[in-house]
Protein backbone atom coordinates (compact mmCIF):
# COMPACT_ATOMS: atom_id res chain seq x y z
CA MET A 1 142.02 -45.21 149.04
CA THR A 2 141.04 -47.22 152.42
CA PRO A 3 140.23 -50.39 151.15
CA THR A 4 136.95 -52.00 151.50
CA ARG A 5 134.58 -55.30 152.27
CA ARG A 6 131.91 -55.97 150.58
CA PHE A 7 128.68 -57.83 151.70
CA ARG A 8 126.05 -59.98 150.63
CA VAL A 9 123.55 -59.17 153.10
CA LYS A 10 120.81 -62.32 152.96
CA PHE A 11 117.18 -61.88 154.46
CA ALA A 12 115.21 -64.66 156.29
CA SER A 13 112.18 -63.19 155.31
CA GLY A 14 112.43 -63.68 152.00
CA ASP A 15 113.11 -60.26 151.14
CA PRO A 16 115.73 -59.62 148.40
CA ASP A 17 119.46 -59.50 148.78
CA VAL A 18 121.46 -56.20 148.75
CA PHE A 19 124.86 -56.02 148.84
CA VAL A 20 126.84 -53.47 151.57
CA ASP A 21 130.29 -52.14 152.12
CA VAL A 22 132.10 -51.34 154.00
CA GLU A 23 135.34 -50.40 155.23
CA ASP A 24 138.16 -52.69 156.11
CA THR A 25 138.33 -50.89 159.72
CA ALA A 26 134.82 -51.41 160.46
CA VAL A 27 132.66 -52.53 162.94
CA VAL A 28 129.58 -54.90 162.29
CA LYS A 29 127.84 -51.71 163.40
CA SER A 30 128.05 -50.34 160.72
CA VAL A 31 126.77 -53.14 158.15
CA VAL A 32 122.97 -53.02 160.47
CA ASP A 33 123.00 -49.61 159.91
CA LYS A 34 123.63 -49.53 156.25
CA VAL A 35 121.28 -52.65 155.78
CA ARG A 36 118.51 -50.28 158.41
CA GLU A 37 118.90 -47.46 156.08
CA ILE A 38 118.21 -49.28 152.63
CA LYS A 39 115.76 -50.93 153.80
CA GLY A 40 113.80 -48.83 156.12
CA LEU A 41 113.75 -49.87 159.18
CA PRO A 42 112.97 -48.40 162.35
CA GLU A 43 114.90 -47.42 165.11
CA GLY A 44 113.09 -50.05 167.12
CA ARG A 45 113.59 -52.79 165.01
CA PHE A 46 116.16 -55.42 165.97
CA VAL A 47 119.13 -56.36 163.46
CA ARG A 48 120.34 -59.54 163.53
CA LEU A 49 123.87 -60.47 161.61
CA LEU A 50 125.23 -64.49 160.74
CA SER A 51 128.20 -65.16 159.55
CA ALA A 52 128.81 -68.90 158.74
CA GLY A 53 126.29 -69.78 162.11
CA HIS A 54 127.87 -67.68 164.37
CA GLU A 55 125.99 -64.37 165.47
CA LEU A 56 127.60 -61.16 165.30
CA TYR A 57 128.06 -58.59 167.21
CA GLU A 58 127.80 -54.91 167.15
CA GLU A 59 131.39 -54.31 168.06
CA ASP A 60 133.23 -56.82 166.30
CA ALA A 61 135.15 -56.02 163.85
CA VAL A 62 134.14 -56.72 160.00
CA LEU A 63 137.07 -57.98 159.28
CA ASP A 64 136.34 -60.93 161.45
CA ALA A 65 133.68 -62.61 160.06
CA PRO A 66 134.56 -65.44 158.45
CA GLY A 67 132.76 -65.45 154.92
CA ASP A 68 131.29 -62.48 152.51
CA VAL A 69 127.71 -63.88 153.34
CA LEU A 70 125.12 -62.56 155.73
CA HIS A 71 122.16 -63.40 156.99
CA CYS A 72 119.51 -60.81 158.50
CA VAL A 73 117.40 -61.42 160.78
CA THR A 74 114.62 -58.80 162.02
CA SER A 75 112.65 -59.55 164.98
CA ASP A 76 111.52 -56.33 167.64
CA TYR A 77 113.25 -58.06 169.89
CA GLY A 78 115.63 -57.66 171.79
CA PRO A 79 117.82 -59.81 172.26
CA LYS A 80 119.05 -62.26 175.24
CA ARG A 81 121.26 -61.73 177.61
CA GLY A 82 123.43 -63.87 180.09
CA PRO A 83 124.02 -64.21 183.70
CA SER A 84 126.25 -61.60 183.67
CA GLY A 85 124.37 -58.82 181.94
CA GLY A 86 126.66 -59.95 178.17
CA ARG A 87 125.29 -60.83 174.92
CA LEU A 88 125.11 -64.33 174.45
CA ARG A 89 127.24 -66.67 171.47
CA MET A 90 124.42 -68.54 169.21
CA THR A 91 125.52 -70.17 166.04
CA VAL A 92 122.18 -70.89 163.89
CA ASP A 93 121.46 -74.02 165.73
CA GLN A 94 120.49 -72.19 168.80
CA LEU A 95 118.08 -69.14 167.17
CA ARG A 96 116.60 -71.92 165.58
CA GLY A 97 114.57 -72.17 168.90
CA ASP A 98 115.69 -75.80 170.14
CA TRP A 99 117.58 -73.95 173.28
CA ILE A 100 114.41 -71.21 174.79
CA SER A 101 114.01 -72.37 178.19
């Protein structure tokens, strides 16, 4: 039996929390896909997950998430890209909007 990790996903919208189980070897995209399935989110909606104040990216390993509670924000707009085209790593304070130019 493959070890699993359970996350409690809390929604910024105030929707009820959900629990998601994924294998320890999974990446965050597995969690995003399960959240999409549970909430019935269309492919055009962007799903952002945060753990302990840091944004998790789809390619990150679930074992790297510092906690078992994830905060979820959905949006019609995709993530901002850095000058080199890569995604910017942001903290919760930055996501609050103080840094938007």
